[in-house]
Amino acid sequence: MNTQQTDTAHSLYALYETLPDEVQKRFLEELVQKKYLQIKALAFSGSPINEKRNRVVLGVMQDAFTVPDNFDEPLPDDIINEFYSGQL
């Protein structure tokens, strides 16, 4: 933020603090609703933010490795003990 924007923001906040509590509450409710709609529009639009995401390419690792048949079997005790030994 540049100096002018900072001064404006501080002035607006000072004005906000002078408002009655009920007006402050309504103002914040409206502000939150507008920001929610802006965030929702960004999230679900074809905006550059969404286009910069890495795309998932299914099957890119196909046949690169195989899962062993004993994958779901319990680990040997010596390997399990290494998890709890406190040494990294």
PDB file of N, CA and C in Angstrom:
ATOM      1  N   MET A   1       0.850  -1.186   0.000  1.00  0.00           N
ATOM      2  CA  MET A   1       0.000   0.000   0.000  1.00  0.00           C
ATOM      3  C   MET A   1       0.884   1.233   0.000  1.00  0.00           C
ATOM      4  N   ASN A   2       0.504   2.186  -0.807  1.00  0.00           N
ATOM      5  CA  ASN A   2       1.272   3.432  -0.770  1.00  0.00           C
ATOM      6  C   ASN A   2       0.736   4.331   0.341  1.00  0.00           C
ATOM      7  N   THR A   3       1.393   5.450   0.558  1.00  0.00           N
ATOM      8  CA  THR A   3       1.055   6.337   1.681  1.00  0.00           C
ATOM      9  C   THR A   3      -0.372   6.849   1.588  1.00  0.00           C
ATOM     10  N   GLN A   4      -0.807   7.210   0.392  1.00  0.00           N
ATOM     11  CA  GLN A   4      -2.165   7.736   0.225  1.00  0.00           C
ATOM     12  C   GLN A   4      -3.206   6.672   0.565  1.00  0.00           C
ATOM     13  N   GLN A   5      -2.964   5.434   0.116  1.00  0.00           N
ATOM     14  CA  GLN A   5      -3.896   4.350   0.422  1.00  0.00           C
ATOM     15  C   GLN A   5      -3.920   4.064   1.918  1.00  0.00           C
ATOM     16  N   THR A   6      -2.755   4.100   2.547  1.00  0.00           N
ATOM     17  CA  THR A   6      -2.676   3.860   3.989  1.00  0.00           C
ATOM     18  C   THR A   6      -3.436   4.934   4.748  1.00  0.00           C
ATOM     19  N   ASP A   7      -3.246   6.203   4.351  1.00  0.00           N
ATOM     20  CA  ASP A   7      -3.962   7.298   5.005  1.00  0.00           C
ATOM     21  C   ASP A   7      -5.466   7.156   4.828  1.00  0.00           C
ATOM     22  N   THR A   8      -5.888   6.780   3.627  1.00  0.00           N
ATOM     23  CA  THR A   8      -7.314   6.595   3.366  1.00  0.00           C
ATOM     24  C   THR A   8      -7.870   5.462   4.216  1.00  0.00           C
ATOM     25  N   ALA A   9      -7.125   4.364   4.292  1.00  0.00           N
ATOM     26  CA  ALA A   9      -7.577   3.229   5.097  1.00  0.00           C
ATOM     27  C   ALA A   9      -7.709   3.614   6.564  1.00  0.00           C
ATOM     28  N   HIS A  10      -6.744   4.348   7.072  1.00  0.00           N
ATOM     29  CA  HIS A  10      -6.805   4.782   8.478  1.00  0.00           C
ATOM     30  C   HIS A  10      -7.971   5.739   8.700  1.00  0.00           C
ATOM     31  N   SER A  11      -8.218   6.616   7.752  1.00  0.00           N
ATOM     32  CA  SER A  11      -9.332   7.557   7.879  1.00  0.00           C
ATOM     33  C   SER A  11     -10.668   6.828   7.876  1.00  0.00           C
ATOM     34  N   LEU A  12     -10.782   5.835   6.988  1.00  0.00           N
ATOM     35  CA  LEU A  12     -12.025   5.064   6.932  1.00  0.00           C
ATOM     36  C   LEU A  12     -12.244   4.281   8.221  1.00  0.00           C
ATOM     37  N   TYR A  13     -11.180   3.715   8.757  1.00  0.00           N
ATOM     38  CA  TYR A  13     -11.310   2.969  10.010  1.00  0.00           C
ATOM     39  C   TYR A  13     -11.686   3.896  11.163  1.00  0.00           C
ATOM     40  N   ALA A  14     -11.101   5.084  11.188  1.00  0.00           N
ATOM     41  CA  ALA A  14     -11.438   6.052  12.238  1.00  0.00           C
ATOM     42  C   ALA A  14     -12.913   6.430  12.140  1.00  0.00           C
ATOM     43  N   LEU A  15     -13.406   6.612  10.913  1.00  0.00           N
ATOM     44  CA  LEU A  15     -14.825   6.916  10.711  1.00  0.00           C
ATOM     45  C   LEU A  15     -15.696   5.737  11.157  1.00  0.00           C
ATOM     46  N   TYR A  16     -15.273   4.528  10.791  1.00  0.00           N
ATOM     47  CA  TYR A  16     -16.004   3.319  11.175  1.00  0.00           C
ATOM     48  C   TYR A  16     -16.163   3.230  12.695  1.00  0.00           C
ATOM     49  N   GLU A  17     -15.096   3.544  13.428  1.00  0.00           N
ATOM     50  CA  GLU A  17     -15.140   3.456  14.887  1.00  0.00           C
ATOM     51  C   GLU A  17     -16.113   4.444  15.510  1.00  0.00           C
ATOM     52  N   THR A  18     -16.462   5.496  14.805  1.00  0.00           N
ATOM     53  CA  THR A  18     -17.399   6.484  15.351  1.00  0.00           C
ATOM     54  C   THR A  18     -18.851   6.058  15.153  1.00  0.00           C
ATOM     55  N   LEU A  19     -19.080   5.044  14.347  1.00  0.00           N
ATOM     56  CA  LEU A  19     -20.446   4.599  14.067  1.00  0.00           C
ATOM     57  C   LEU A  19     -21.019   3.847  15.261  1.00  0.00           C
ATOM     58  N   PRO A  20     -22.326   3.883  15.426  1.00  0.00           N
ATOM     59  CA  PRO A  20     -22.962   3.095  16.492  1.00  0.00           C
ATOM     60  C   PRO A  20     -22.714   1.596  16.268  1.00  0.00           C
ATOM     61  N   ASP A  21     -22.748   0.831  17.343  1.00  0.00           N
ATOM     62  CA  ASP A  21     -22.448  -0.607  17.261  1.00  0.00           C
ATOM     63  C   ASP A  21     -23.320  -1.334  16.250  1.00  0.00           C
ATOM     64  N   GLU A  22     -24.587  -1.017  16.211  1.00  0.00           N
ATOM     65  CA  GLU A  22     -25.504  -1.690  15.285  1.00  0.00           C
ATOM     66  C   GLU A  22     -25.130  -1.394  13.836  1.00  0.00           C
ATOM     67  N   VAL A  23     -24.740  -0.190  13.547  1.00  0.00           N
ATOM     68  CA  VAL A  23     -24.330   0.178  12.189  1.00  0.00           C
ATOM     69  C   VAL A  23     -23.019  -0.529  11.838  1.00  0.00           C
ATOM     70  N   GLN A  24     -22.102  -0.592  12.799  1.00  0.00           N
ATOM     71  CA  GLN A  24     -20.854  -1.314  12.562  1.00  0.00           C
ATOM     72  C   GLN A  24     -21.134  -2.778  12.237  1.00  0.00           C
ATOM     73  N   LYS A  25     -22.054  -3.372  12.985  1.00  0.00           N
ATOM     74  CA  LYS A  25     -22.394  -4.774  12.769  1.00  0.00           C
ATOM     75  C   LYS A  25     -22.968  -4.987  11.374  1.00  0.00           C
ATOM     76  N   ARG A  26     -23.909  -4.140  10.971  1.00  0.00           N
ATOM     77  CA  ARG A  26     -24.514  -4.271   9.638  1.00  0.00           C
ATOM     78  C   ARG A  26     -23.473  -4.058   8.542  1.00  0.00           C
ATOM     79  N   PHE A  27     -22.575  -3.088   8.761  1.00  0.00           N
ATOM     80  CA  PHE A  27     -21.525  -2.821   7.789  1.00  0.00           C
ATOM     81  C   PHE A  27     -20.629  -4.055   7.615  1.00  0.00           C
ATOM     82  N   LEU A  28     -20.211  -4.648   8.735  1.00  0.00           N
ATOM     83  CA  LEU A  28     -19.353  -5.825   8.653  1.00  0.00           C
ATOM     84  C   LEU A  28     -20.054  -7.006   8.004  1.00  0.00           C
ATOM     85  N   GLU A  29     -21.338  -7.178   8.295  1.00  0.00           N
ATOM     86  CA  GLU A  29     -22.094  -8.265   7.667  1.00  0.00           C
ATOM     87  C   GLU A  29     -22.127  -8.089   6.155  1.00  0.00           C
ATOM     88  N   GLU A  30     -22.365  -6.867   5.702  1.00  0.00           N
ATOM     89  CA  GLU A  30     -22.411  -6.599   4.272  1.00  0.00           C
ATOM     90  C   GLU A  30     -21.028  -6.775   3.646  1.00  0.00           C
ATOM     91  N   LEU A  31     -19.996  -6.314   4.334  1.00  0.00           N
ATOM     92  CA  LEU A  31     -18.630  -6.446   3.831  1.00  0.00           C
ATOM     93  C   LEU A  31     -18.244  -7.924   3.685  1.00  0.00           C
ATOM     94  N   VAL A  32     -18.553  -8.710   4.691  1.00  0.00           N
ATOM     95  CA  VAL A  32     -18.240 -10.139   4.643  1.00  0.00           C
ATOM     96  C   VAL A  32     -18.994 -10.808   3.500  1.00  0.00           C
ATOM     97  N   GLN A  33     -20.254 -10.451   3.305  1.00  0.00           N
ATOM     98  CA  GLN A  33     -21.050 -11.039   2.227  1.00  0.00           C
ATOM     99  C   GLN A  33     -20.451 -10.689   0.867  1.00  0.00           C
ATOM    100  N   LYS A  34     -20.049  -9.439   0.675  1.00  0.00           N
ATOM    101  CA  LYS A  34     -19.470  -9.026  -0.609  1.00  0.00           C
ATOM    102  C   LYS A  34     -18.137  -9.730  -0.845  1.00  0.00           C
ATOM    103  N   LYS A  35     -17.310  -9.832   0.175  1.00  0.00           N
ATOM    104  CA  LYS A  35     -16.025 -10.519   0.022  1.00  0.00           C
ATOM    105  C   LYS A  35     -16.244 -12.003  -0.261  1.00  0.00           C
ATOM    106  N   TYR A  36     -17.240 -12.601   0.377  1.00  0.00           N
ATOM    107  CA  TYR A  36     -17.555 -14.004   0.127  1.00  0.00           C
ATOM    108  C   TYR A  36     -17.920 -14.199  -1.342  1.00  0.00           C
ATOM    109  N   LEU A  37     -18.745 -13.308  -1.871  1.00  0.00           N
ATOM    110  CA  LEU A  37     -19.149 -13.424  -3.269  1.00  0.00           C
ATOM    111  C   LEU A  37     -17.957 -13.237  -4.210  1.00  0.00           C
ATOM    112  N   GLN A  38     -17.052 -12.322  -3.874  1.00  0.00           N
ATOM    113  CA  GLN A  38     -15.858 -12.116  -4.700  1.00  0.00           C
ATOM    114  C   GLN A  38     -14.963 -13.357  -4.677  1.00  0.00           C
ATOM    115  N   ILE A  39     -14.776 -13.930  -3.512  1.00  0.00           N
ATOM    116  CA  ILE A  39     -13.941 -15.124  -3.395  1.00  0.00           C
ATOM    117  C   ILE A  39     -14.581 -16.290  -4.140  1.00  0.00           C
ATOM    118  N   LYS A  40     -15.880 -16.428  -4.011  1.00  0.00           N
ATOM    119  CA  LYS A  40     -16.601 -17.493  -4.706  1.00  0.00           C
ATOM    120  C   LYS A  40     -16.482 -17.320  -6.215  1.00  0.00           C
ATOM    121  N   ALA A  41     -16.602 -16.082  -6.693  1.00  0.00           N
ATOM    122  CA  ALA A  41     -16.475 -15.818  -8.129  1.00  0.00           C
ATOM    123  C   ALA A  41     -15.074 -16.170  -8.623  1.00  0.00           C
ATOM    124  N   LEU A  42     -14.065 -15.838  -7.831  1.00  0.00           N
ATOM    125  CA  LEU A  42     -12.695 -16.178  -8.216  1.00  0.00           C
ATOM    126  C   LEU A  42     -12.475 -17.687  -8.243  1.00  0.00           C
ATOM    127  N   ALA A  43     -13.013 -18.353  -7.241  1.00  0.00           N
ATOM    128  CA  ALA A  43     -12.783 -19.789  -7.114  1.00  0.00           C
ATOM    129  C   ALA A  43     -13.442 -20.591  -8.219  1.00  0.00           C
ATOM    130  N   PHE A  44     -14.584 -20.131  -8.702  1.00  0.00           N
ATOM    131  CA  PHE A  44     -15.336 -20.916  -9.668  1.00  0.00           C
ATOM    132  C   PHE A  44     -15.344 -20.326 -11.068  1.00  0.00           C
ATOM    133  N   SER A  45     -14.513 -19.354 -11.311  1.00  0.00           N
ATOM    134  CA  SER A  45     -14.443 -18.774 -12.650  1.00  0.00           C
ATOM    135  C   SER A  45     -13.241 -19.330 -13.383  1.00  0.00           C
ATOM    136  N   GLY A  46     -13.131 -18.994 -14.622  1.00  0.00           N
ATOM    137  CA  GLY A  46     -11.977 -19.393 -15.404  1.00  0.00           C
ATOM    138  C   GLY A  46     -10.870 -18.371 -15.267  1.00  0.00           C
ATOM    139  N   SER A  47     -10.691 -17.863 -14.065  1.00  0.00           N
ATOM    140  CA  SER A  47      -9.714 -16.810 -13.813  1.00  0.00           C
ATOM    141  C   SER A  47      -8.298 -17.346 -13.924  1.00  0.00           C
ATOM    142  N   PRO A  48      -7.328 -16.466 -14.115  1.00  0.00           N
ATOM    143  CA  PRO A  48      -5.927 -16.895 -14.185  1.00  0.00           C
ATOM    144  C   PRO A  48      -5.467 -17.629 -12.935  1.00  0.00           C
ATOM    145  N   ILE A  49      -6.072 -17.366 -11.800  1.00  0.00           N
ATOM    146  CA  ILE A  49      -5.693 -18.054 -10.568  1.00  0.00           C
ATOM    147  C   ILE A  49      -5.902 -19.557 -10.734  1.00  0.00           C
ATOM    148  N   ASN A  50      -7.066 -19.944 -11.289  1.00  0.00           N
ATOM    149  CA  ASN A  50      -7.347 -21.365 -11.485  1.00  0.00           C
ATOM    150  C   ASN A  50      -6.498 -21.961 -12.594  1.00  0.00           C
ATOM    151  N   GLU A  51      -6.156 -21.178 -13.599  1.00  0.00           N
ATOM    152  CA  GLU A  51      -5.399 -21.696 -14.717  1.00  0.00           C
ATOM    153  C   GLU A  51      -3.947 -21.960 -14.352  1.00  0.00           C
ATOM    154  N   LYS A  52      -3.442 -21.346 -13.279  1.00  0.00           N
ATOM    155  CA  LYS A  52      -2.053 -21.531 -12.888  1.00  0.00           C
ATOM    156  C   LYS A  52      -1.840 -22.831 -12.124  1.00  0.00           C
ATOM    157  N   ARG A  53      -2.885 -23.471 -11.724  1.00  0.00           N
ATOM    158  CA  ARG A  53      -2.757 -24.709 -10.972  1.00  0.00           C
ATOM    159  C   ARG A  53      -2.116 -25.786 -11.836  1.00  0.00           C
ATOM    160  N   ASN A  54      -1.394 -26.670 -11.194  1.00  0.00           N
ATOM    161  CA  ASN A  54      -0.850 -27.822 -11.906  1.00  0.00           C
ATOM    162  C   ASN A  54      -1.993 -28.772 -12.206  1.00  0.00           C
ATOM    163  N   ARG A  55      -2.033 -29.236 -13.398  1.00  0.00           N
ATOM    164  CA  ARG A  55      -3.073 -30.183 -13.785  1.00  0.00           C
ATOM    165  C   ARG A  55      -2.625 -31.592 -13.434  1.00  0.00           C
ATOM    166  N   VAL A  56      -3.536 -32.416 -12.995  1.00  0.00           N
ATOM    167  CA  VAL A  56      -3.250 -33.800 -12.677  1.00  0.00           C
ATOM    168  C   VAL A  56      -3.358 -34.608 -13.966  1.00  0.00           C
ATOM    169  N   VAL A  57      -2.328 -35.367 -14.253  1.00  0.00           N
ATOM    170  CA  VAL A  57      -2.336 -36.225 -15.431  1.00  0.00           C
ATOM    171  C   VAL A  57      -2.448 -37.655 -14.938  1.00  0.00           C
ATOM    172  N   LEU A  58      -3.604 -38.239 -15.154  1.00  0.00           N
ATOM    173  CA  LEU A  58      -3.834 -39.603 -14.687  1.00  0.00           C
ATOM    174  C   LEU A  58      -3.048 -40.588 -15.535  1.00  0.00           C
ATOM    175  N   GLY A  59      -2.473 -41.574 -14.879  1.00  0.00           N
ATOM    176  CA  GLY A  59      -1.764 -42.636 -15.579  1.00  0.00           C
ATOM    177  C   GLY A  59      -0.335 -42.305 -15.952  1.00  0.00           C
ATOM    178  N   VAL A  60       0.180 -41.177 -15.510  1.00  0.00           N
ATOM    179  CA  VAL A  60       1.524 -40.787 -15.904  1.00  0.00           C
ATOM    180  C   VAL A  60       2.581 -41.747 -15.352  1.00  0.00           C
ATOM    181  N   MET A  61       2.312 -42.394 -14.232  1.00  0.00           N
ATOM    182  CA  MET A  61       3.260 -43.335 -13.626  1.00  0.00           C
ATOM    183  C   MET A  61       2.886 -44.796 -13.895  1.00  0.00           C
ATOM    184  N   GLN A  62       1.976 -45.005 -14.810  1.00  0.00           N
ATOM    185  CA  GLN A  62       1.533 -46.360 -15.106  1.00  0.00           C
ATOM    186  C   GLN A  62       2.732 -47.202 -15.554  1.00  0.00           C
ATOM    187  N   ASP A  63       2.834 -48.382 -14.996  1.00  0.00           N
ATOM    188  CA  ASP A  63       3.918 -49.335 -15.279  1.00  0.00           C
ATOM    189  C   ASP A  63       5.288 -48.854 -14.813  1.00  0.00           C
ATOM    190  N   ALA A  64       5.373 -47.777 -14.048  1.00  0.00           N
ATOM    191  CA  ALA A  64       6.655 -47.295 -13.546  1.00  0.00           C
ATOM    192  C   ALA A  64       7.110 -48.118 -12.345  1.00  0.00           C
ATOM    193  N   PHE A  65       6.173 -48.693 -11.624  1.00  0.00           N
ATOM    194  CA  PHE A  65       6.500 -49.556 -10.488  1.00  0.00           C
ATOM    195  C   PHE A  65       5.322 -50.474 -10.245  1.00  0.00           C
ATOM    196  N   THR A  66       5.569 -51.493  -9.458  1.00  0.00           N
ATOM    197  CA  THR A  66       4.482 -52.403  -9.088  1.00  0.00           C
ATOM    198  C   THR A  66       4.390 -52.472  -7.576  1.00  0.00           C
ATOM    199  N   VAL A  67       3.197 -52.628  -7.087  1.00  0.00           N
ATOM    200  CA  VAL A  67       2.963 -52.761  -5.651  1.00  0.00           C
ATOM    201  C   VAL A  67       3.180 -54.227  -5.297  1.00  0.00           C
ATOM    202  N   PRO A  68       4.046 -54.500  -4.329  1.00  0.00           N
ATOM    203  CA  PRO A  68       4.303 -55.905  -3.978  1.00  0.00           C
ATOM    204  C   PRO A  68       3.064 -56.579  -3.394  1.00  0.00           C
ATOM    205  N   ASP A  69       3.005 -57.880  -3.544  1.00  0.00           N
ATOM    206  CA  ASP A  69       1.852 -58.646  -3.048  1.00  0.00           C
ATOM    207  C   ASP A  69       1.697 -58.539  -1.541  1.00  0.00           C
ATOM    208  N   ASN A  70       2.794 -58.363  -0.808  1.00  0.00           N
ATOM    209  CA  ASN A  70       2.726 -58.303   0.649  1.00  0.00           C
ATOM    210  C   ASN A  70       2.599 -56.864   1.171  1.00  0.00           C
ATOM    211  N   PHE A  71       2.163 -55.941   0.354  1.00  0.00           N
ATOM    212  CA  PHE A  71       2.080 -54.527   0.715  1.00  0.00           C
ATOM    213  C   PHE A  71       1.246 -54.291   1.977  1.00  0.00           C
ATOM    214  N   ASP A  72       0.136 -55.003   2.120  1.00  0.00           N
ATOM    215  CA  ASP A  72      -0.777 -54.787   3.243  1.00  0.00           C
ATOM    216  C   ASP A  72      -0.407 -55.590   4.491  1.00  0.00           C
ATOM    217  N   GLU A  73       0.611 -56.375   4.419  1.00  0.00           N
ATOM    218  CA  GLU A  73       1.011 -57.168   5.581  1.00  0.00           C
ATOM    219  C   GLU A  73       1.716 -56.274   6.595  1.00  0.00           C
ATOM    220  N   PRO A  74       1.649 -56.657   7.887  1.00  0.00           N
ATOM    221  CA  PRO A  74       2.323 -55.850   8.923  1.00  0.00           C
ATOM    222  C   PRO A  74       3.832 -55.796   8.679  1.00  0.00           C
ATOM    223  N   LEU A  75       4.437 -54.687   9.062  1.00  0.00           N
ATOM    224  CA  LEU A  75       5.884 -54.537   8.943  1.00  0.00           C
ATOM    225  C   LEU A  75       6.590 -55.404   9.981  1.00  0.00           C
ATOM    226  N   PRO A  76       7.812 -55.786   9.702  1.00  0.00           N
ATOM    227  CA  PRO A  76       8.581 -56.542  10.710  1.00  0.00           C
ATOM    228  C   PRO A  76       8.806 -55.681  11.956  1.00  0.00           C
ATOM    229  N   ASP A  77       8.969 -56.341  13.101  1.00  0.00           N
ATOM    230  CA  ASP A  77       9.129 -55.639  14.380  1.00  0.00           C
ATOM    231  C   ASP A  77      10.301 -54.668  14.384  1.00  0.00           C
ATOM    232  N   ASP A  78      11.436 -55.043  13.764  1.00  0.00           N
ATOM    233  CA  ASP A  78      12.594 -54.146  13.777  1.00  0.00           C
ATOM    234  C   ASP A  78      12.307 -52.837  13.042  1.00  0.00           C
ATOM    235  N   ILE A  79      11.528 -52.875  12.010  1.00  0.00           N
ATOM    236  CA  ILE A  79      11.180 -51.638  11.287  1.00  0.00           C
ATOM    237  C   ILE A  79      10.182 -50.822  12.106  1.00  0.00           C
ATOM    238  N   ILE A  80       9.203 -51.473  12.704  1.00  0.00           N
ATOM    239  CA  ILE A  80       8.234 -50.757  13.551  1.00  0.00           C
ATOM    240  C   ILE A  80       8.943 -50.104  14.709  1.00  0.00           C
ATOM    241  N   ASN A  81       9.900 -50.795  15.325  1.00  0.00           N
ATOM    242  CA  ASN A  81      10.636 -50.211  16.446  1.00  0.00           C
ATOM    243  C   ASN A  81      11.408 -48.970  16.049  1.00  0.00           C
ATOM    244  N   GLU A  82      11.844 -48.876  14.826  1.00  0.00           N
ATOM    245  CA  GLU A  82      12.572 -47.686  14.361  1.00  0.00           C
ATOM    246  C   GLU A  82      11.672 -46.434  14.407  1.00  0.00           C
ATOM    247  N   PHE A  83      10.375 -46.609  14.213  1.00  0.00           N
ATOM    248  CA  PHE A  83       9.442 -45.483  14.290  1.00  0.00           C
ATOM    249  C   PHE A  83       9.385 -44.901  15.704  1.00  0.00           C
ATOM    250  N   TYR A  84       9.606 -45.723  16.692  1.00  0.00           N
ATOM    251  CA  TYR A  84       9.442 -45.317  18.088  1.00  0.00           C
ATOM    252  C   TYR A  84      10.760 -45.182  18.839  1.00  0.00           C
ATOM    253  N   SER A  85      11.872 -45.289  18.137  1.00  0.00           N
ATOM    254  CA  SER A  85      13.169 -45.256  18.816  1.00  0.00           C
ATOM    255  C   SER A  85      13.590 -43.848  19.199  1.00  0.00           C
ATOM    256  N   GLY A  86      13.033 -42.840  18.585  1.00  0.00           N
ATOM    257  CA  GLY A  86      13.404 -41.456  18.887  1.00  0.00           C
ATOM    258  C   GLY A  86      14.630 -41.012  18.132  1.00  0.00           C
ATOM    259  N   GLN A  87      15.193 -41.850  17.312  1.00  0.00           N
ATOM    260  CA  GLN A  87      16.353 -41.491  16.505  1.00  0.00           C
ATOM    261  C   GLN A  87      15.913 -41.287  15.070  1.00  0.00           C
ATOM    262  N   LEU A  88      16.383 -40.187  14.511  1.00  0.00           N
ATOM    263  CA  LEU A  88      16.040 -39.924  13.113  1.00  0.00           C
ATOM    264  C   LEU A  88      17.270 -40.014  12.251  1.00  0.00           C
TER     265      LEU A  88
END
